[in-house]
């Protein structure tokens, strides 16, 4: 799995919707088609992209194909996003502190009631 294939696969909103469905539990193709409101050929194309990116696995269950998430690529994404998450948390904490300071410096702001 390449990083580019992973990002490309997740760039499409239909594929993200499929990933969200599979987060709940493995599902057969027919159930994914019904839940996403797409045609069967369109859903199959999206599932192929997700499978080739390594995001989903497929197993044969009699006449049905059942798709499930593969957690490994999601864990890789989470690890890649971790530094950015820390950056956002620091920025949001700083914004919160600044807003608290601004609110307490505002003379027209009513004092908090006890």
N, C-alpha and C. Protein backbone atom coordinates (compact mmCIF):
# COMPACT_ATOMS: atom_id res chain seq x y z
N UNK A 1 0.84 -1.18 0.00
CA UNK A 1 0.00 0.00 0.00
C UNK A 1 0.88 1.24 0.00
N UNK A 2 0.64 2.15 -0.93
CA UNK A 2 1.38 3.40 -0.95
C UNK A 2 0.56 4.48 -0.26
N UNK A 3 1.28 5.47 0.27
CA UNK A 3 0.57 6.59 0.91
C UNK A 3 -0.34 7.30 -0.09
N UNK A 4 0.12 7.44 -1.33
CA UNK A 4 -0.68 8.12 -2.35
C UNK A 4 -1.98 7.36 -2.60
N UNK A 5 -1.90 6.03 -2.69
CA UNK A 5 -3.11 5.23 -2.92
C UNK A 5 -4.08 5.36 -1.76
N UNK A 6 -3.54 5.40 -0.56
CA UNK A 6 -4.38 5.54 0.63
C UNK A 6 -5.12 6.88 0.63
N UNK A 7 -4.38 7.96 0.40
CA UNK A 7 -4.99 9.29 0.39
C UNK A 7 -5.98 9.43 -0.77
N UNK A 8 -5.63 8.88 -1.93
CA UNK A 8 -6.53 8.94 -3.07
C UNK A 8 -7.82 8.19 -2.78
N UNK A 9 -7.68 7.03 -2.16
CA UNK A 9 -8.87 6.24 -1.82
C UNK A 9 -9.78 7.00 -0.86
N UNK A 10 -9.21 7.68 0.10
CA UNK A 10 -10.01 8.38 1.11
C UNK A 10 -10.47 9.77 0.66
N UNK A 11 -9.99 10.22 -0.49
CA UNK A 11 -10.38 11.55 -0.98
C UNK A 11 -11.84 11.59 -1.44
N UNK A 12 -12.36 10.45 -1.83
CA UNK A 12 -13.72 10.40 -2.36
C UNK A 12 -14.74 10.25 -1.23
N UNK A 13 -15.78 11.08 -1.21
CA UNK A 13 -16.77 11.01 -0.12
C UNK A 13 -17.54 9.68 -0.09
N UNK A 14 -17.77 9.06 -1.24
CA UNK A 14 -18.47 7.77 -1.24
C UNK A 14 -17.61 6.69 -0.58
N UNK A 15 -16.32 6.73 -0.85
CA UNK A 15 -15.44 5.74 -0.24
C UNK A 15 -15.31 5.98 1.26
N UNK A 16 -15.29 7.23 1.67
CA UNK A 16 -15.28 7.51 3.12
C UNK A 16 -16.56 7.01 3.78
N UNK A 17 -17.68 7.13 3.07
CA UNK A 17 -18.95 6.62 3.61
C UNK A 17 -18.90 5.10 3.74
N UNK A 18 -18.29 4.43 2.78
CA UNK A 18 -18.15 2.98 2.85
C UNK A 18 -17.26 2.60 4.03
N UNK A 19 -16.16 3.32 4.21
CA UNK A 19 -15.26 3.06 5.35
C UNK A 19 -16.02 3.25 6.65
N UNK A 20 -16.84 4.28 6.74
CA UNK A 20 -17.62 4.52 7.97
C UNK A 20 -18.60 3.37 8.22
N UNK A 21 -19.23 2.86 7.17
CA UNK A 21 -20.13 1.71 7.33
C UNK A 21 -19.38 0.48 7.84
N UNK A 22 -18.20 0.26 7.26
CA UNK A 22 -17.43 -0.92 7.64
C UNK A 22 -16.79 -0.78 9.01
N UNK A 23 -16.74 0.42 9.51
CA UNK A 23 -16.25 0.64 10.87
C UNK A 23 -17.18 -0.04 11.87
N UNK A 24 -18.46 -0.04 11.56
CA UNK A 24 -19.46 -0.67 12.45
C UNK A 24 -19.29 -2.18 12.48
N UNK A 25 -19.15 -2.77 11.26
CA UNK A 25 -19.03 -4.23 11.17
C UNK A 25 -18.79 -4.60 9.71
N UNK A 26 -18.28 -5.82 9.45
CA UNK A 26 -18.15 -6.28 8.06
C UNK A 26 -19.54 -6.37 7.42
N UNK A 27 -19.58 -6.12 6.12
CA UNK A 27 -20.86 -6.11 5.41
C UNK A 27 -20.71 -6.74 4.03
N UNK A 28 -21.77 -7.41 3.57
CA UNK A 28 -21.77 -7.90 2.19
C UNK A 28 -22.00 -6.73 1.23
N UNK A 29 -21.60 -6.93 -0.01
CA UNK A 29 -21.70 -5.87 -1.01
C UNK A 29 -23.13 -5.33 -1.12
N UNK A 30 -24.11 -6.22 -1.15
CA UNK A 30 -25.51 -5.78 -1.29
C UNK A 30 -25.93 -4.81 -0.20
N UNK A 31 -25.47 -5.05 0.99
CA UNK A 31 -25.80 -4.16 2.11
C UNK A 31 -25.12 -2.80 1.95
N UNK A 32 -23.90 -2.82 1.44
CA UNK A 32 -23.16 -1.56 1.20
C UNK A 32 -23.86 -0.76 0.11
N UNK A 33 -24.28 -1.45 -0.95
CA UNK A 33 -25.01 -0.80 -2.05
C UNK A 33 -26.25 -0.11 -1.51
N UNK A 34 -27.02 -0.83 -0.72
CA UNK A 34 -28.27 -0.29 -0.18
C UNK A 34 -28.01 0.90 0.75
N UNK A 35 -27.03 0.77 1.63
CA UNK A 35 -26.75 1.83 2.60
C UNK A 35 -26.21 3.10 1.94
N UNK A 36 -25.43 2.94 0.89
CA UNK A 36 -24.82 4.11 0.23
C UNK A 36 -25.70 4.72 -0.84
N UNK A 37 -26.69 3.97 -1.30
CA UNK A 37 -27.57 4.50 -2.33
C UNK A 37 -26.91 4.62 -3.70
N UNK A 38 -25.85 3.84 -3.91
CA UNK A 38 -25.16 3.84 -5.20
C UNK A 38 -25.56 2.59 -5.99
N UNK A 39 -25.25 2.59 -7.26
CA UNK A 39 -25.50 1.39 -8.05
C UNK A 39 -24.48 0.32 -7.65
N UNK A 40 -24.82 -0.93 -7.96
CA UNK A 40 -23.90 -2.02 -7.63
C UNK A 40 -22.57 -1.87 -8.36
N UNK A 41 -22.54 -1.54 -9.67
CA UNK A 41 -21.25 -1.38 -10.35
C UNK A 41 -20.41 -0.24 -9.76
N UNK A 42 -21.06 0.86 -9.41
CA UNK A 42 -20.34 1.99 -8.81
C UNK A 42 -19.77 1.61 -7.45
N UNK A 43 -20.56 0.94 -6.64
CA UNK A 43 -20.09 0.49 -5.33
C UNK A 43 -18.92 -0.46 -5.48
N UNK A 44 -19.01 -1.38 -6.44
CA UNK A 44 -17.91 -2.33 -6.66
C UNK A 44 -16.62 -1.62 -7.06
N UNK A 45 -16.75 -0.57 -7.87
CA UNK A 45 -15.55 0.20 -8.25
C UNK A 45 -14.93 0.88 -7.03
N UNK A 46 -15.77 1.45 -6.18
CA UNK A 46 -15.25 2.09 -4.96
C UNK A 46 -14.60 1.05 -4.04
N UNK A 47 -15.22 -0.11 -3.91
CA UNK A 47 -14.65 -1.17 -3.07
C UNK A 47 -13.32 -1.66 -3.63
N UNK A 48 -13.19 -1.70 -4.95
CA UNK A 48 -11.93 -2.11 -5.57
C UNK A 48 -10.82 -1.12 -5.22
N UNK A 49 -11.12 0.17 -5.29
CA UNK A 49 -10.12 1.18 -4.95
C UNK A 49 -9.71 1.04 -3.48
N UNK A 50 -10.68 0.84 -2.60
CA UNK A 50 -10.39 0.67 -1.18
C UNK A 50 -9.57 -0.60 -0.93
N UNK A 51 -9.89 -1.66 -1.65
CA UNK A 51 -9.16 -2.92 -1.51
C UNK A 51 -7.72 -2.76 -2.01
N UNK A 52 -7.54 -2.12 -3.15
CA UNK A 52 -6.20 -1.94 -3.71
C UNK A 52 -5.35 -1.02 -2.84
N UNK A 53 -5.99 -0.11 -2.12
CA UNK A 53 -5.27 0.77 -1.19
C UNK A 53 -4.96 0.06 0.12
N UNK A 54 -5.53 -1.12 0.32
CA UNK A 54 -5.28 -1.88 1.54
C UNK A 54 -6.21 -1.53 2.68
N UNK A 55 -7.21 -0.73 2.43
CA UNK A 55 -8.11 -0.30 3.50
C UNK A 55 -9.16 -1.33 3.86
N UNK A 56 -9.53 -2.18 2.91
CA UNK A 56 -10.53 -3.20 3.18
C UNK A 56 -10.03 -4.56 2.71
N UNK A 57 -10.58 -5.58 3.34
CA UNK A 57 -10.34 -6.98 2.95
C UNK A 57 -11.67 -7.55 2.51
N UNK A 58 -11.61 -8.55 1.68
CA UNK A 58 -12.83 -9.21 1.21
C UNK A 58 -12.68 -10.71 1.43
N UNK A 59 -13.79 -11.32 1.83
CA UNK A 59 -13.81 -12.78 1.95
C UNK A 59 -15.09 -13.29 1.29
N UNK A 60 -14.98 -14.46 0.76
CA UNK A 60 -16.12 -15.10 0.11
C UNK A 60 -16.92 -15.85 1.16
N UNK A 61 -18.23 -15.63 1.18
CA UNK A 61 -19.13 -16.34 2.09
C UNK A 61 -20.26 -16.91 1.23
N UNK A 62 -20.07 -18.15 0.79
CA UNK A 62 -20.98 -18.78 -0.18
C UNK A 62 -21.00 -17.93 -1.45
N UNK A 63 -22.15 -17.37 -1.79
CA UNK A 63 -22.25 -16.55 -3.00
C UNK A 63 -21.99 -15.07 -2.75
N UNK A 64 -21.75 -14.71 -1.52
CA UNK A 64 -21.59 -13.28 -1.17
C UNK A 64 -20.12 -12.93 -0.95
N UNK A 65 -19.80 -11.68 -1.22
CA UNK A 65 -18.49 -11.13 -0.87
C UNK A 65 -18.73 -10.22 0.33
N UNK A 66 -18.00 -10.48 1.39
CA UNK A 66 -18.15 -9.69 2.62
C UNK A 66 -16.89 -8.85 2.79
N UNK A 67 -17.09 -7.55 2.96
CA UNK A 67 -15.98 -6.61 3.11
C UNK A 67 -15.84 -6.19 4.57
N UNK A 68 -14.57 -6.04 4.98
CA UNK A 68 -14.26 -5.60 6.34
C UNK A 68 -13.09 -4.62 6.27
N UNK A 69 -13.02 -3.74 7.23
CA UNK A 69 -11.89 -2.81 7.32
C UNK A 69 -10.63 -3.56 7.70
N UNK A 70 -9.52 -3.12 7.16
CA UNK A 70 -8.21 -3.59 7.61
C UNK A 70 -7.67 -2.47 8.50
N UNK A 71 -7.48 -2.71 9.79
CA UNK A 71 -7.10 -1.64 10.70
C UNK A 71 -5.66 -1.12 10.52
N UNK A 72 -4.79 -1.88 9.89
CA UNK A 72 -3.38 -1.47 9.77
C UNK A 72 -3.20 -0.12 9.06
N UNK A 73 -3.80 0.10 7.88
CA UNK A 73 -3.62 1.40 7.23
C UNK A 73 -4.22 2.56 8.04
N UNK A 74 -5.31 2.29 8.75
CA UNK A 74 -5.92 3.34 9.58
C UNK A 74 -4.96 3.70 10.72
N UNK A 75 -4.30 2.70 11.28
CA UNK A 75 -3.31 2.96 12.34
C UNK A 75 -2.14 3.78 11.80
N UNK A 76 -1.72 3.49 10.56
CA UNK A 76 -0.65 4.27 9.94
C UNK A 76 -1.08 5.72 9.75
N UNK A 77 -2.32 5.92 9.32
CA UNK A 77 -2.84 7.29 9.18
C UNK A 77 -2.87 8.01 10.52
N UNK A 78 -3.32 7.30 11.55
CA UNK A 78 -3.38 7.89 12.87
C UNK A 78 -1.98 8.31 13.35
N UNK A 79 -1.00 7.47 13.11
CA UNK A 79 0.38 7.79 13.50
C UNK A 79 0.88 9.00 12.71
N UNK A 80 0.55 9.07 11.43
CA UNK A 80 0.98 10.19 10.61
C UNK A 80 0.32 11.50 11.07
N UNK A 81 -0.94 11.41 11.49
CA UNK A 81 -1.69 12.60 11.91
C UNK A 81 -1.35 13.07 13.32
N UNK A 82 -0.73 12.24 14.14
CA UNK A 82 -0.47 12.56 15.55
C UNK A 82 0.23 13.90 15.75
N UNK A 83 1.31 14.21 15.03
CA UNK A 83 1.96 15.51 15.26
C UNK A 83 1.05 16.69 14.92
N UNK A 84 0.21 16.52 13.90
CA UNK A 84 -0.71 17.58 13.51
C UNK A 84 -1.81 17.76 14.55
N UNK A 85 -2.24 16.65 15.13
CA UNK A 85 -3.24 16.70 16.20
C UNK A 85 -2.68 17.47 17.39
N UNK A 86 -1.42 17.21 17.74
CA UNK A 86 -0.80 17.94 18.85
C UNK A 86 -0.70 19.43 18.53
N UNK A 87 -0.36 19.76 17.28
CA UNK A 87 -0.28 21.16 16.87
C UNK A 87 -1.64 21.84 17.02
N UNK A 88 -2.70 21.18 16.55
CA UNK A 88 -4.03 21.76 16.67
C UNK A 88 -4.44 21.90 18.12
N UNK A 89 -4.14 20.90 18.93
CA UNK A 89 -4.51 20.98 20.34
C UNK A 89 -3.83 22.15 21.02
N UNK A 90 -2.53 22.35 20.74
CA UNK A 90 -1.82 23.51 21.32
C UNK A 90 -2.44 24.82 20.84
N UNK A 91 -2.74 24.89 19.54
CA UNK A 91 -3.34 26.12 18.99
C UNK A 91 -4.71 26.39 19.60
N UNK A 92 -5.51 25.36 19.73
CA UNK A 92 -6.84 25.54 20.30
C UNK A 92 -6.77 25.88 21.78
N UNK A 93 -5.82 25.28 22.51
CA UNK A 93 -5.64 25.63 23.92
C UNK A 93 -5.24 27.10 24.05
N UNK A 94 -4.31 27.55 23.20
CA UNK A 94 -3.87 28.95 23.24
C UNK A 94 -5.04 29.89 22.92
N UNK A 95 -5.85 29.52 21.94
CA UNK A 95 -7.02 30.33 21.60
C UNK A 95 -7.99 30.39 22.78
N UNK A 96 -8.22 29.26 23.43
CA UNK A 96 -9.10 29.23 24.59
C UNK A 96 -8.61 30.12 25.72
N UNK A 97 -7.30 30.06 25.98
CA UNK A 97 -6.73 30.93 27.03
C UNK A 97 -6.88 32.40 26.66
N UNK A 98 -6.64 32.72 25.39
CA UNK A 98 -6.75 34.11 24.93
C UNK A 98 -8.20 34.59 25.06
N UNK A 99 -9.14 33.75 24.70
CA UNK A 99 -10.55 34.13 24.81
C UNK A 99 -10.95 34.32 26.27
N UNK A 100 -10.43 33.47 27.16
CA UNK A 100 -10.69 33.63 28.59
C UNK A 100 -10.14 34.96 29.09
N UNK A 101 -8.92 35.31 28.66
CA UNK A 101 -8.31 36.58 29.06
C UNK A 101 -9.11 37.76 28.53
N UNK A 102 -9.52 37.69 27.29
CA UNK A 102 -10.30 38.77 26.67
C UNK A 102 -11.62 38.94 27.38
N UNK A 103 -12.27 37.86 27.73
CA UNK A 103 -13.57 37.94 28.41
C UNK A 103 -13.42 38.56 29.79
N UNK A 104 -12.34 38.25 30.50
CA UNK A 104 -12.17 38.82 31.84
C UNK A 104 -11.68 40.26 31.79
N UNK A 105 -11.12 40.72 30.65
CA UNK A 105 -10.66 42.10 30.51
C UNK A 105 -11.75 43.03 30.04
N UNK A 106 -12.87 42.52 29.58
CA UNK A 106 -13.95 43.31 29.00
C UNK A 106 -14.76 43.96 30.13
N UNK A 107 -14.70 45.32 30.29
CA UNK A 107 -15.43 45.96 31.38
C UNK A 107 -16.95 45.92 31.19
N UNK A 108 -17.43 45.79 29.97
CA UNK A 108 -18.86 45.75 29.75
C UNK A 108 -19.45 44.37 29.97
N UNK A 109 -18.59 43.41 30.09
CA UNK A 109 -19.04 42.04 30.33
C UNK A 109 -19.50 41.93 31.79
N UNK A 110 -20.70 41.43 32.02
CA UNK A 110 -21.16 41.28 33.41
C UNK A 110 -20.29 40.25 34.15
N UNK A 111 -20.07 40.55 35.41
CA UNK A 111 -19.28 39.64 36.23
C UNK A 111 -20.02 38.32 36.41
N UNK A 112 -19.28 37.21 36.46
CA UNK A 112 -19.93 35.92 36.66
C UNK A 112 -20.64 35.88 38.02
N UNK A 113 -21.83 35.25 38.03
CA UNK A 113 -22.58 35.14 39.28
C UNK A 113 -22.13 33.92 40.03
N UNK A 114 -22.12 34.01 41.33
CA UNK A 114 -21.71 32.88 42.17
C UNK A 114 -22.83 31.94 42.41
